[in-house]
Amino acid sequence: MKNVDQRVWYVIGLSVAVVIIILFLEWRTNYKLREKIKQQWGKAPVWSRFDHEDSLKDAWKIAQTYQKFESEIDDITWYDLDMTEVFEAVNGTYSSIGSEALYQRLRNFDFNDQSVEKLEELIAFYEEQPEKRAAIQFRFGQLGKKDKNFVKHYLSEAAGKELPHFYLYVFFGILPLIGAGILAFGQVFGLYLLVGSICLNTFYYLSKKERLETELNSMRYFVQGLGTAKAISKIETPVQQQLKSNLTPLKSILTFAVSFRVKSNSEAEMLFDYINIMFMLPFISYHFALRRLAKHNKEAIILWDLLGELEAAYAVLNFRLYMPKTAVPKFQTGGVSAENSYHPLLSASAVVNPVAWENNTLVTGSNASGKSTYVKSVAINCILAQTIHTAAADHFLMQRGHVLTSMAVEDDLFEGDSYFVAEIKSIKRVLDQVATGEHCYCFIDEILKGTNTIERIAASASIIDWLKDYPSIAFVATHDIELTEILKYSCTNLHFEEQIEADGISFDYQVRSGAAKTRNALELLQVMSYPKVIVDSAKEEAAFFDKHRLWNILNTPTV
C-alpha cells in the first residue's frame, strides 16, 4: 500500500513539474515576442519562412467562393508588376489571418469608399493608441503563422466533414481517466489500465494522425484564432462590439476544443501534445468544433474577416512609416495625377517623377533609360491606392478603375504558344475588359514586339487608336518611334533620354514631354566593346535609313 501511495505522489510531482516547465517556456516565448514587436515597428518587414505564395493564393481562391468584389488583379498583372515582392514589402503581419487578408486586399477591391474608410479608421486608432496596437500585435504574434492552414476551406464549407467513429474516440479517451480513478483508490489494476490505455491511445492516434493530420492542423489553427479573437475582443477597438457579437455563438468551441488551444509556435506545444494523445482530445475536439462551425458559419466568416482587417491595418501603417514618402490618395473622375511618384520596391534609390495621365500615352526612350520602371510604378501605385489606400508619392489623385498589364510575356510550352501568340492573348484579355465599358487602366510594355516591324507598327497603332472610343486609358512603352507620329493627334507623348559621356552612357531617369529624339542601342554596343567595324557599320546603316527612309542593301554585287 505504501508503494502505491509513493507512485501516486510521484505522478502528482511529475505533473506539477510539467506544468512549471510549460509556464516557464510560455513566459520566455512571450517575452521574446514583445521585444520583437518593439524592435520591428516602423521598419521594413523581415523575411519570413512562412507566407509562401501558393498558400496565400489557395486561401484567396477559396475565399472567392463566398466573397465577391468588383475588381481583381489577375495573375498576369500580378506577376508583370512583381506584386508578390510588393506584398512582402507591406506584409508586417504576425499571423496567417493577417497575411491572407492583406494578400486578398491587394488582389481584390471594390469601387467605393466603404473598405478604405474602415481601413483608415483602424489606422487612425493605431496611431493614437500605440499601446493597444502593440497589445493586438502581441495576440496575433502568439497565434503565429501557418501556411496551408485551410481555415478558409472550412469557412467555405464545414458541413459533412465530420470524422467517422466519433464515439469510439470518446471511449478510448476516457479509459485513462477510469484507470487514474481506480488507481486513486489504491487498486493496482488502475495503474495497469492507465498505462495500457495510454499506450493504446498513443498507437491508435499515431496510426490515424498521418491520414487526418491536415484536418487536425487546420482545425487547430481555427480554434487558436478564436482564442486570439477572444483576447482581442477585450481590447477597446473600433470593431470591439462586432468581434464580441460574432464570437459569442462560437465561444463554446474554445471550451470543448481545448486540445487545440496551445499555440503552434509555442515551445510548450510538444509537451501538451502528449496530453492530447493520452485522451484522444484532438479527434474529439475536431468533431465538436466542426459541428459548431457548420451551424454558425456566417458569424465565423465575419469574425475571421474582422481579425484580418485588424492586422492588415497595422501592416499598412507600418508600411507608411518606413517608406520615404507616401500619400493617402484621393478619388475623382478623370485619369491619374501624382507628384513625386516612385516605384515602391526602389524606395531607397528611386527617382521621383510626376504623373499627369488623362488620355492614351506613349512612352519612348532609350534602352535602360527608365521608361518600363516608370510605367510599372504608375501601375503599382494605381493598385496600392485602391487596395491599401496608400501610394508611393507626395500626392496621388485618380478615378477608380480596373488595372491590367501586358508586360513580361513569355512563350507557353505547355499550351504550345509562341511568344507572339502568348502576347496577343495577353493583350486580348485587356481589350475584352475595356470592351465592357468600365473604366480601365491599361499598361503595355514593348507592344507586339514578337512580330515583324511593319505588322507590329500597324497593329499597335490600330489597337491604341481603338482604345480612344472607350472610357479607359493606356500607358504604352515602346521603341517604335513611328507610333508617336502615327498617333500624335490622339496620344500624349512622353520620353526618357540618356547622356552620352566619354566613359559611357548615363541616365537621369526623369520623364520628359514629347517623343524620344535619341537612340542608344549602338552606343551600348560600343560601351560593351563590340568590334569597331560592327559599330561603325551599324551607325552608317542607321544614318542612311534616317535620311532616305529606306534600308541600304549590303554586299550588292557589282555588274
Protein backbone atom coordinates (compact mmCIF):
# COMPACT_ATOMS: atom_id res chain seq x y z
CA MET A 1 0.00 0.00 0.00
CA LYS A 2 2.90 2.29 0.84
CA ASN A 3 4.46 1.66 -2.59
CA VAL A 4 1.14 2.55 -4.26
CA ASP A 5 0.99 5.84 -2.31
CA GLN A 6 4.54 6.64 -3.42
CA ARG A 7 3.61 6.05 -7.02
CA VAL A 8 0.62 8.36 -6.67
CA TRP A 9 2.81 11.13 -5.25
CA TYR A 10 5.34 10.51 -7.98
CA VAL A 11 2.64 11.06 -10.63
CA ILE A 12 1.45 14.23 -8.86
CA GLY A 13 5.01 15.58 -8.56
CA LEU A 14 5.75 14.85 -12.19
CA SER A 15 2.55 16.62 -13.24
CA VAL A 16 3.44 19.72 -11.21
CA ALA A 17 6.94 19.76 -12.74
CA VAL A 18 5.49 19.55 -16.24
CA VAL A 19 3.13 22.48 -15.51
CA ILE A 20 6.02 24.59 -14.19
CA ILE A 21 8.12 23.84 -17.27
CA ILE A 22 5.23 24.71 -19.58
CA LEU A 23 4.62 28.02 -17.77
CA PHE A 24 8.30 28.96 -17.92
CA LEU A 25 8.58 28.16 -21.63
CA GLU A 26 5.42 30.16 -22.33
CA TRP A 27 6.75 33.16 -20.38
CA ARG A 28 10.05 33.11 -22.25
CA THR A 29 8.30 32.87 -25.65
CA ASN A 30 6.01 35.81 -24.81
CA TYR A 31 8.92 37.95 -23.62
CA LYS A 32 10.83 37.40 -26.86
CA LEU A 33 7.72 38.21 -28.90
CA ARG A 34 7.11 41.52 -27.11
CA GLU A 35 10.71 42.56 -27.70
CA LYS A 36 10.44 41.65 -31.38
CA ILE A 37 7.32 43.78 -31.79
CA LYS A 38 9.06 46.80 -30.26
CA GLN A 39 12.17 46.42 -32.39
CA GLN A 40 10.41 45.80 -35.71
CA TRP A 41 7.85 48.60 -35.56
CA GLY A 42 8.44 51.27 -38.18
CA LYS A 43 10.86 49.09 -40.13
CA ALA A 44 10.65 47.06 -43.32
CA PRO A 45 9.24 43.57 -42.63
CA VAL A 46 11.89 40.90 -42.22
CA TRP A 47 11.86 37.80 -44.38
CA SER A 48 9.64 35.04 -43.04
CA ARG A 49 9.82 31.34 -43.78
CA PHE A 50 6.02 31.43 -43.83
CA ASP A 51 3.59 33.18 -46.17
CA HIS A 52 4.55 31.22 -49.27
CA GLU A 53 2.50 32.50 -52.16
CA ASP A 54 0.99 29.12 -53.05
CA SER A 55 -0.57 29.05 -49.58
CA LEU A 56 -1.78 32.66 -49.76
CA LYS A 57 -3.16 32.15 -53.24
CA ASP A 58 -5.03 28.99 -52.22
CA ALA A 59 -6.70 30.86 -49.35
CA TRP A 60 -7.59 33.74 -51.69
CA LYS A 61 -9.12 31.41 -54.28
CA ILE A 62 -11.20 29.61 -51.64
CA ALA A 63 -12.42 32.93 -50.21
CA GLN A 64 -13.66 33.88 -53.67
CA THR A 65 -16.29 31.15 -53.38
CA TYR A 66 -18.11 33.13 -50.67
CA GLN A 67 -16.87 36.71 -51.16
CA LYS A 68 -17.28 38.83 -54.28
CA PHE A 69 -15.54 42.04 -55.33
CA GLU A 70 -15.89 44.43 -58.25
CA SER A 71 -12.30 44.18 -59.46
CA GLU A 72 -9.49 41.64 -59.39
CA ILE A 73 -5.76 41.85 -60.10
CA ASP A 74 -5.34 38.85 -62.37
CA ASP A 75 -2.26 36.63 -62.43
CA ILE A 76 -0.70 38.24 -65.49
CA THR A 77 -0.91 41.71 -63.98
CA TRP A 78 0.20 40.44 -60.56
CA TYR A 79 3.39 38.85 -61.89
CA ASP A 80 4.08 41.54 -64.51
CA LEU A 81 4.32 44.08 -61.69
CA ASP A 82 6.20 41.86 -59.20
CA MET A 83 3.31 42.28 -56.81
CA THR A 84 4.48 39.37 -54.66
CA GLU A 85 7.52 41.49 -53.74
CA VAL A 86 5.24 44.48 -53.15
CA PHE A 87 3.10 42.34 -50.85
CA GLU A 88 6.20 41.30 -48.92
CA ALA A 89 7.18 44.96 -48.53
CA VAL A 90 3.82 45.68 -46.88
CA ASN A 91 3.42 42.39 -45.01
CA GLY A 92 4.27 43.34 -41.44
CA THR A 93 1.72 40.86 -40.10
CA TYR A 94 2.29 38.32 -37.34
CA SER A 95 -0.34 35.71 -38.19
CA SER A 96 -1.64 33.96 -41.29
CA ILE A 97 -5.03 35.58 -40.69
CA GLY A 98 -3.45 38.96 -41.39
CA SER A 99 -1.19 37.90 -44.24
CA GLU A 100 -4.05 36.14 -46.04
CA ALA A 101 -6.29 39.19 -45.55
CA LEU A 102 -3.57 41.53 -46.84
CA TYR A 103 -2.93 39.33 -49.87
CA GLN A 104 -6.67 39.27 -50.63
CA ARG A 105 -6.88 43.05 -50.20
CA LEU A 106 -4.09 43.57 -52.75
CA ARG A 107 -5.80 41.30 -55.27
CA ASN A 108 -9.45 42.37 -54.91
CA PHE A 109 -11.18 45.69 -54.37
CA ASP A 110 -14.48 47.50 -54.81
CA PHE A 111 -15.12 50.85 -56.44
CA ASN A 112 -16.42 52.57 -53.28
CA ASP A 113 -15.18 54.19 -50.08
CA GLN A 114 -16.51 51.62 -47.60
CA SER A 115 -13.44 49.40 -47.39
CA VAL A 116 -10.88 52.22 -47.30
CA GLU A 117 -12.88 54.14 -44.70
CA LYS A 118 -12.79 51.15 -42.37
CA LEU A 119 -9.06 50.77 -43.04
CA GLU A 120 -8.37 54.42 -42.27
CA GLU A 121 -10.43 54.21 -39.07
CA LEU A 122 -8.26 51.35 -37.82
CA ILE A 123 -5.04 53.07 -38.91
CA ALA A 124 -6.05 56.25 -37.04
CA PHE A 125 -6.81 54.13 -33.97
CA TYR A 126 -3.35 52.52 -34.08
CA GLU A 127 -1.67 55.91 -34.49
CA GLU A 128 -3.50 57.30 -31.46
CA GLN A 129 -3.21 54.15 -29.33
CA PRO A 130 0.29 52.64 -29.76
CA GLU A 131 -0.01 50.56 -26.57
CA LYS A 132 -3.22 48.92 -27.79
CA ARG A 133 -1.66 48.42 -31.22
CA ALA A 134 1.28 46.59 -29.63
CA ALA A 135 -1.11 44.52 -27.50
CA ILE A 136 -3.05 43.46 -30.59
CA GLN A 137 0.19 42.64 -32.43
CA PHE A 138 1.21 40.52 -29.45
CA ARG A 139 -2.00 38.49 -29.60
CA PHE A 140 -1.57 37.88 -33.32
CA GLY A 141 2.09 37.04 -32.70
CA GLN A 142 1.06 34.43 -30.14
CA LEU A 143 -1.15 32.86 -32.78
CA GLY A 144 1.67 32.87 -35.32
CA LYS A 145 1.66 31.81 -38.94
CA LYS A 146 0.83 28.52 -40.59
CA ASP A 147 0.95 28.01 -44.33
CA LYS A 148 -1.70 25.78 -45.85
CA ASN A 149 -3.88 26.17 -42.73
CA PHE A 150 -7.04 25.61 -44.84
CA VAL A 151 -9.23 27.62 -42.47
CA LYS A 152 -10.83 29.36 -45.46
CA HIS A 153 -11.73 25.90 -46.75
CA TYR A 154 -13.74 25.20 -43.59
CA LEU A 155 -15.30 28.65 -43.68
CA SER A 156 -16.49 28.00 -47.22
CA GLU A 157 -17.94 24.57 -46.42
CA ALA A 158 -17.88 22.95 -42.98
CA ALA A 159 -20.87 20.63 -43.18
CA GLY A 160 -20.26 16.98 -43.94
CA LYS A 161 -16.62 16.89 -42.90
CA GLU A 162 -17.05 15.23 -39.50
CA LEU A 163 -14.77 12.33 -38.57
CA PRO A 164 -16.27 8.82 -38.53
CA HIS A 165 -16.29 6.65 -35.37
CA PHE A 166 -16.65 9.63 -33.04
CA TYR A 167 -17.92 7.61 -30.06
CA LEU A 168 -15.00 5.18 -30.36
CA TYR A 169 -12.64 8.11 -29.83
CA VAL A 170 -14.66 9.18 -26.79
CA PHE A 171 -14.47 5.67 -25.31
CA PHE A 172 -10.72 5.43 -25.79
CA GLY A 173 -10.31 8.94 -24.39
CA ILE A 174 -11.98 8.20 -21.04
CA LEU A 175 -10.09 4.93 -20.40
CA PRO A 176 -7.03 6.70 -18.86
CA LEU A 177 -9.37 8.67 -16.59
CA ILE A 178 -11.03 5.47 -15.43
CA GLY A 179 -7.61 3.95 -14.78
CA ALA A 180 -6.47 7.01 -12.82
CA GLY A 181 -9.67 6.92 -10.76
CA ILE A 182 -9.21 3.24 -9.86
CA LEU A 183 -5.54 3.93 -9.01
CA ALA A 184 -6.59 6.75 -6.71
CA PHE A 185 -8.46 4.17 -4.62
CA GLY A 186 -5.28 2.13 -4.26
CA GLN A 187 -6.09 -0.57 -6.81
CA VAL A 188 -3.04 -1.71 -8.77
CA PHE A 189 -5.31 -2.66 -11.68
CA GLY A 190 -5.92 1.04 -12.17
CA LEU A 191 -2.22 1.55 -12.89
CA TYR A 192 -2.27 -1.23 -15.48
CA LEU A 193 -5.39 0.25 -17.09
CA LEU A 194 -3.89 3.75 -17.06
CA VAL A 195 -0.60 2.71 -18.66
CA GLY A 196 -2.25 0.26 -21.06
CA SER A 197 -4.85 2.74 -22.29
CA ILE A 198 -2.22 5.44 -22.77
CA CYS A 199 -0.13 3.04 -24.86
CA LEU A 200 -3.23 2.01 -26.83
CA ASN A 201 -4.29 5.60 -27.42
CA THR A 202 -0.78 6.61 -28.48
CA PHE A 203 -0.57 3.79 -31.00
CA TYR A 204 -4.08 4.44 -32.35
CA TYR A 205 -3.55 8.20 -32.52
CA LEU A 206 -0.27 7.92 -34.41
CA SER A 207 -1.78 5.40 -36.84
CA LYS A 208 -4.63 7.80 -37.65
CA LYS A 209 -2.77 11.10 -37.40
CA GLU A 210 -0.95 10.85 -40.73
CA ARG A 211 -4.21 10.44 -42.63
CA LEU A 212 -6.02 13.13 -40.62
CA GLU A 213 -3.12 15.48 -39.98
CA THR A 214 -4.28 18.17 -42.42
CA GLU A 215 -7.79 18.26 -40.89
CA LEU A 216 -6.46 18.37 -37.33
CA ASN A 217 -3.90 21.10 -38.06
CA SER A 218 -6.48 23.19 -39.87
CA MET A 219 -8.93 22.97 -37.00
CA ARG A 220 -6.15 23.69 -34.53
CA TYR A 221 -5.36 26.97 -36.28
CA PHE A 222 -9.04 27.91 -36.44
CA VAL A 223 -9.58 27.26 -32.73
CA GLN A 224 -6.42 29.16 -31.83
CA GLY A 225 -7.72 32.00 -33.99
CA LEU A 226 -10.90 32.03 -31.91
CA GLY A 227 -8.74 32.29 -28.81
CA THR A 228 -6.98 35.27 -30.37
CA ALA A 229 -10.34 36.85 -31.18
CA LYS A 230 -11.47 36.39 -27.58
CA ALA A 231 -8.33 38.09 -26.24
CA ILE A 232 -8.52 40.99 -28.72
CA SER A 233 -12.25 41.48 -28.07
CA LYS A 234 -11.30 42.58 -24.55
CA ILE A 235 -9.31 45.48 -26.02
CA GLU A 236 -11.30 48.60 -26.85
CA THR A 237 -11.09 48.99 -30.64
CA PRO A 238 -13.39 50.36 -33.38
CA VAL A 239 -14.52 46.80 -34.09
CA GLN A 240 -14.80 45.55 -30.50
CA GLN A 241 -18.57 45.12 -30.50
CA GLN A 242 -18.55 43.37 -33.86
CA LEU A 243 -15.90 40.97 -32.60
CA LYS A 244 -17.90 40.17 -29.49
CA SER A 245 -21.22 39.67 -31.23
CA ASN A 246 -19.80 37.30 -33.85
CA LEU A 247 -17.62 35.46 -31.33
CA THR A 248 -20.46 34.73 -28.90
CA PRO A 249 -22.05 31.77 -30.76
CA LEU A 250 -18.57 30.26 -31.30
CA LYS A 251 -17.25 30.57 -27.74
CA SER A 252 -18.25 27.04 -26.76
CA ILE A 253 -15.67 25.76 -29.26
CA LEU A 254 -12.95 27.21 -27.04
CA THR A 255 -14.22 25.13 -24.12
CA PHE A 256 -14.82 21.81 -25.84
CA ALA A 257 -11.89 22.06 -28.28
CA VAL A 258 -9.33 22.74 -25.57
CA SER A 259 -6.80 20.37 -27.15
CA PHE A 260 -6.24 22.89 -29.94
CA ARG A 261 -5.66 25.88 -27.68
CA VAL A 262 -1.87 25.69 -27.30
CA LYS A 263 -0.30 27.99 -29.90
CA SER A 264 1.52 26.28 -32.73
CA ASN A 265 4.61 28.48 -32.33
CA SER A 266 4.93 27.73 -28.62
CA GLU A 267 7.81 25.74 -27.19
CA ALA A 268 5.28 24.10 -24.86
CA GLU A 269 3.37 22.52 -27.72
CA MET A 270 5.36 19.27 -27.70
CA LEU A 271 4.65 18.69 -24.02
CA PHE A 272 0.95 19.43 -24.42
CA ASP A 273 0.77 17.05 -27.39
CA TYR A 274 1.44 14.12 -25.07
CA ILE A 275 -1.61 15.02 -23.02
CA ASN A 276 -3.69 15.27 -26.18
CA ILE A 277 -2.60 11.83 -27.28
CA MET A 278 -3.37 10.23 -23.92
CA PHE A 279 -7.01 11.27 -24.06
CA MET A 280 -7.65 11.34 -27.86
CA LEU A 281 -8.55 15.00 -27.43
CA PRO A 282 -7.77 16.20 -30.98
CA PHE A 283 -10.28 13.80 -32.58
CA ILE A 284 -13.00 14.62 -30.04
CA SER A 285 -12.36 18.37 -30.24
CA TYR A 286 -12.33 18.34 -34.04
CA HIS A 287 -15.75 16.72 -34.22
CA PHE A 288 -17.35 19.19 -31.82
CA ALA A 289 -15.71 22.29 -33.35
CA LEU A 290 -16.70 21.32 -36.87
CA ARG A 291 -20.35 20.83 -35.96
CA ARG A 292 -20.43 24.21 -34.22
CA LEU A 293 -18.69 25.91 -37.12
CA ALA A 294 -21.18 24.47 -39.62
CA LYS A 295 -24.05 25.85 -37.53
CA HIS A 296 -22.59 29.37 -37.22
CA ASN A 297 -20.71 29.67 -40.49
CA LYS A 298 -21.79 33.24 -41.23
CA GLU A 299 -20.55 34.55 -37.88
CA ALA A 300 -17.25 32.69 -38.33
CA ILE A 301 -16.65 34.31 -41.74
CA ILE A 302 -17.35 37.79 -40.39
CA LEU A 303 -15.15 37.18 -37.35
CA TRP A 304 -12.24 35.96 -39.49
CA ASP A 305 -12.56 38.98 -41.78
CA LEU A 306 -12.56 41.36 -38.80
CA LEU A 307 -9.38 39.80 -37.46
CA GLY A 308 -7.79 40.08 -40.91
CA GLU A 309 -8.76 43.75 -41.17
CA LEU A 310 -7.30 44.48 -37.75
CA GLU A 311 -3.95 43.01 -38.67
CA ALA A 312 -3.78 44.27 -42.25
CA ALA A 313 -4.37 47.82 -40.96
CA TYR A 314 -1.29 47.93 -38.74
CA ALA A 315 0.77 46.37 -41.56
CA VAL A 316 -0.31 49.23 -43.85
CA LEU A 317 0.51 51.79 -41.16
CA ASN A 318 3.94 50.26 -40.69
CA PHE A 319 4.48 50.45 -44.48
CA ARG A 320 3.62 54.14 -44.44
CA LEU A 321 6.02 54.76 -41.57
CA TYR A 322 9.13 53.18 -43.04
CA MET A 323 8.69 54.26 -46.67
CA PRO A 324 10.44 57.54 -47.63
CA LYS A 325 7.15 59.19 -48.55
CA THR A 326 3.58 58.05 -49.02
CA ALA A 327 0.28 59.71 -49.84
CA VAL A 328 -3.30 58.93 -48.94
CA PRO A 329 -4.94 59.00 -52.39
CA LYS A 330 -7.98 60.98 -53.38
CA PHE A 331 -10.55 59.77 -55.90
CA GLN A 332 -12.40 61.76 -58.52
CA THR A 333 -13.43 61.44 -62.17
CA GLY A 334 -10.58 61.66 -64.65
CA GLY A 335 -7.23 59.96 -65.07
CA VAL A 336 -4.24 59.84 -62.75
CA SER A 337 -2.35 62.77 -61.31
CA ALA A 338 0.62 62.47 -58.96
CA GLU A 339 3.50 64.49 -57.57
CA ASN A 340 6.88 62.86 -56.89
CA SER A 341 5.65 59.37 -57.67
CA TYR A 342 8.14 56.49 -57.46
CA HIS A 343 8.42 52.72 -57.58
CA PRO A 344 7.85 51.35 -54.03
CA LEU A 345 10.33 48.49 -54.48
CA LEU A 346 13.09 51.01 -55.28
CA SER A 347 12.32 53.28 -52.34
CA ALA A 348 15.92 53.67 -51.20
CA SER A 349 17.24 54.76 -54.61
CA ALA A 350 14.09 55.64 -56.56
CA VAL A 351 13.93 58.72 -58.76
CA VAL A 352 10.65 60.59 -58.34
CA ASN A 353 8.58 61.71 -61.30
CA PRO A 354 5.27 63.49 -61.88
CA VAL A 355 2.23 61.77 -63.39
CA ALA A 356 -0.33 63.63 -65.50
CA TRP A 357 -2.22 60.87 -67.27
CA GLU A 358 -5.53 61.88 -68.81
CA ASN A 359 -5.53 60.04 -72.15
CA ASN A 360 -3.65 57.32 -74.02
CA THR A 361 0.07 57.88 -73.60
CA LEU A 362 3.13 56.58 -75.45
CA VAL A 363 6.39 56.39 -73.51
CA THR A 364 9.51 56.18 -75.64
CA GLY A 365 13.17 56.26 -74.81
CA SER A 366 16.49 54.55 -74.98
CA ASN A 367 17.27 51.13 -73.59
CA ALA A 368 17.62 51.15 -69.77
CA SER A 369 16.51 54.79 -69.60
CA GLY A 370 13.70 54.08 -67.11
CA LYS A 371 10.53 54.01 -69.21
CA SER A 372 9.45 50.50 -68.15
CA THR A 373 10.13 51.23 -64.48
CA TYR A 374 8.10 54.43 -64.75
CA VAL A 375 5.14 52.67 -66.34
CA LYS A 376 5.27 49.92 -63.70
CA SER A 377 5.47 52.46 -60.88
CA VAL A 378 2.28 54.15 -62.09
CA ALA A 379 0.52 50.78 -62.38
CA ILE A 380 1.59 49.64 -58.91
CA ASN A 381 0.50 52.92 -57.34
CA CYS A 382 -2.90 52.63 -59.06
CA ILE A 383 -3.28 49.25 -57.34
CA LEU A 384 -1.98 50.35 -53.93
CA ALA A 385 -4.18 53.44 -53.97
CA GLN A 386 -7.33 51.37 -54.47
CA THR A 387 -6.39 48.47 -52.16
CA ILE A 388 -4.39 49.71 -49.17
CA HIS A 389 -5.30 53.39 -49.70
CA THR A 390 -1.63 54.30 -49.95
CA ALA A 391 0.55 55.50 -52.83
CA ALA A 392 4.31 55.92 -53.13
CA ALA A 393 4.14 59.64 -53.90
CA ASP A 394 3.69 63.07 -52.31
CA HIS A 395 0.23 63.41 -53.82
CA PHE A 396 -1.94 60.95 -55.73
CA LEU A 397 -5.29 61.54 -57.41
CA MET A 398 -7.18 59.09 -59.61
CA GLN A 399 -10.52 57.73 -60.77
CA ARG A 400 -11.23 54.21 -59.58
CA GLY A 401 -10.85 51.55 -62.25
CA HIS A 402 -9.55 48.12 -63.22
CA VAL A 403 -5.78 47.72 -63.60
CA LEU A 404 -4.47 45.41 -66.33
CA THR A 405 -1.00 44.90 -67.79
CA SER A 406 0.71 43.09 -70.62
CA MET A 407 4.44 43.25 -69.98
CA ALA A 408 6.53 40.22 -69.08
CA VAL A 409 5.10 37.95 -71.77
CA GLU A 410 6.67 34.52 -72.24
CA ASP A 411 6.04 31.72 -74.69
CA ASP A 412 3.96 28.87 -73.24
CA LEU A 413 5.44 25.44 -73.89
CA PHE A 414 2.52 23.65 -72.24
CA GLU A 415 -0.08 25.44 -74.36
CA GLY A 416 2.14 25.30 -77.43
CA ASP A 417 2.01 29.09 -77.82
CA SER A 418 4.79 31.02 -79.47
CA TYR A 419 5.89 34.31 -77.96
CA PHE A 420 3.71 36.31 -80.35
CA VAL A 421 0.63 34.14 -79.74
CA ALA A 422 1.12 34.47 -75.96
CA GLU A 423 1.49 38.22 -76.41
CA ILE A 424 -1.69 38.73 -78.46
CA LYS A 425 -3.62 36.57 -75.98
CA SER A 426 -2.36 38.75 -73.15
CA ILE A 427 -3.36 41.97 -74.93
CA LYS A 428 -6.72 40.48 -76.00
CA ARG A 429 -7.78 39.96 -72.38
CA VAL A 430 -7.05 43.66 -71.79
CA LEU A 431 -9.19 44.64 -74.77
CA ASP A 432 -12.01 42.35 -73.59
CA GLN A 433 -12.11 44.14 -70.25
CA VAL A 434 -12.02 47.56 -71.94
CA ALA A 435 -14.92 46.49 -74.18
CA THR A 436 -17.17 46.09 -71.12
CA GLY A 437 -17.30 49.88 -70.94
CA GLU A 438 -15.90 50.01 -67.40
CA HIS A 439 -13.03 52.35 -66.58
CA CYS A 440 -9.70 50.57 -67.07
CA TYR A 441 -6.05 51.49 -66.71
CA CYS A 442 -4.06 49.54 -69.31
CA PHE A 443 -0.28 49.18 -69.21
CA ILE A 444 1.61 47.61 -72.10
CA ASP A 445 5.38 47.31 -72.36
CA GLU A 446 7.02 46.83 -75.78
CA ILE A 447 3.72 46.25 -77.56
CA LEU A 448 3.70 43.35 -80.05
CA LYS A 449 7.48 43.07 -80.13
CA GLY A 450 7.17 39.41 -81.12
CA THR A 451 6.46 40.10 -84.80
CA ASN A 452 7.93 41.95 -87.79
CA THR A 453 8.31 45.72 -87.82
CA ILE A 454 5.63 46.61 -90.41
CA GLU A 455 2.86 44.49 -88.90
CA ARG A 456 3.87 45.39 -85.35
CA ILE A 457 3.54 49.12 -86.00
CA ALA A 458 0.32 48.72 -87.99
CA ALA A 459 -1.34 46.51 -85.36
CA SER A 460 -0.06 48.55 -82.42
CA ALA A 461 -1.36 51.80 -83.89
CA SER A 462 -4.74 50.22 -84.56
CA ILE A 463 -5.03 48.78 -81.05
CA ILE A 464 -4.12 52.03 -79.33
CA ASP A 465 -6.41 54.05 -81.60
CA TRP A 466 -9.29 51.63 -80.87
CA LEU A 467 -8.93 52.34 -77.14
CA LYS A 468 -9.88 56.01 -77.58
CA ASP A 469 -13.52 55.08 -78.09
CA TYR A 470 -13.87 53.63 -74.58
CA PRO A 471 -13.72 55.15 -71.07
CA SER A 472 -10.29 53.63 -70.48
CA ILE A 473 -6.75 54.90 -70.92
CA ALA A 474 -3.48 53.16 -71.75
CA PHE A 475 0.18 53.66 -70.95
CA VAL A 476 2.28 52.05 -73.71
CA ALA A 477 6.07 51.83 -73.52
CA THR A 478 7.62 51.29 -76.95
CA HIS A 479 10.79 51.59 -79.02
CA ASP A 480 8.73 52.23 -82.16
CA ILE A 481 9.17 55.96 -82.70
CA GLU A 482 6.87 55.65 -85.71
CA LEU A 483 3.90 55.28 -83.35
CA THR A 484 4.49 58.74 -81.91
CA GLU A 485 3.98 60.20 -85.38
CA ILE A 486 1.05 57.99 -86.40
CA LEU A 487 -0.84 58.69 -83.15
CA LYS A 488 0.30 62.26 -82.47
CA TYR A 489 -3.27 63.61 -82.60
CA SER A 490 -4.77 61.03 -80.22
CA CYS A 491 -1.95 60.21 -77.77
CA THR A 492 0.22 62.13 -75.35
CA ASN A 493 3.94 61.52 -75.82
CA LEU A 494 6.45 61.17 -73.00
CA HIS A 495 10.07 60.07 -73.17
CA PHE A 496 13.23 59.29 -71.26
CA GLU A 497 16.72 60.02 -72.55
CA GLU A 498 20.35 59.29 -71.94
CA GLN A 499 23.51 61.36 -71.59
CA ILE A 500 26.47 60.24 -73.71
CA GLU A 501 29.71 60.73 -71.81
CA ALA A 502 33.34 59.96 -72.53
CA ASP A 503 33.32 56.82 -70.43
CA GLY A 504 29.89 55.57 -71.49
CA ILE A 505 26.19 56.36 -71.08
CA SER A 506 24.36 57.69 -68.03
CA PHE A 507 20.67 58.21 -67.26
CA ASP A 508 18.83 60.63 -65.02
CA TYR A 509 15.54 58.63 -65.21
CA GLN A 510 13.48 61.82 -65.47
CA VAL A 511 10.32 61.75 -67.58
CA ARG A 512 10.06 64.45 -70.25
CA SER A 513 7.30 65.68 -72.54
CA GLY A 514 7.31 64.74 -76.20
CA ALA A 515 8.65 61.79 -78.16
CA ALA A 516 12.19 60.49 -77.83
CA LYS A 517 14.68 62.05 -80.24
CA THR A 518 17.71 59.91 -79.48
CA ARG A 519 18.72 56.26 -79.60
CA ASN A 520 21.42 54.49 -77.62
CA ALA A 521 21.48 50.87 -78.76
CA LEU A 522 24.55 51.41 -80.97
CA GLU A 523 26.31 53.38 -78.23
CA LEU A 524 25.71 50.46 -75.86
CA LEU A 525 27.38 48.13 -78.37
CA GLN A 526 30.40 50.40 -78.25
CA VAL A 527 30.39 50.55 -74.46
CA MET A 528 30.28 46.73 -74.37
CA SER A 529 33.43 46.68 -76.56
CA TYR A 530 31.86 45.29 -79.72
CA PRO A 531 34.28 45.28 -82.68
CA LYS A 532 34.62 48.83 -84.01
CA VAL A 533 33.83 47.74 -87.56
CA ILE A 534 30.42 46.42 -86.42
CA VAL A 535 29.55 49.60 -84.54
CA ASP A 536 30.67 51.91 -87.37
CA SER A 537 28.79 49.89 -89.97
CA ALA A 538 25.62 49.91 -87.89
CA LYS A 539 25.81 53.68 -87.43
CA GLU A 540 26.18 54.16 -91.20
CA GLU A 541 23.16 51.96 -91.91
CA ALA A 542 21.03 53.80 -89.35
CA ALA A 543 22.06 57.18 -90.76
CA PHE A 544 21.22 56.01 -94.29
CA PHE A 545 17.73 54.92 -93.17
CA ASP A 546 17.08 58.17 -91.30
CA LYS A 547 17.95 60.15 -94.45
CA HIS A 548 16.24 58.06 -97.12
CA ARG A 549 13.63 56.07 -95.12
CA LEU A 550 14.96 53.02 -96.96
CA TRP A 551 17.44 50.35 -95.96
CA ASN A 552 20.76 50.19 -97.74
CA ILE A 553 21.36 46.76 -99.27
CA LEU A 554 24.64 45.33 -98.06
CA ASN A 555 27.11 43.49 -100.27
CA THR A 556 25.36 44.47 -103.50
CA PRO A 557 27.15 42.60 -106.33
CA THR A 558 28.87 44.81 -108.90
CA VAL A 559 27.80 44.44 -112.53
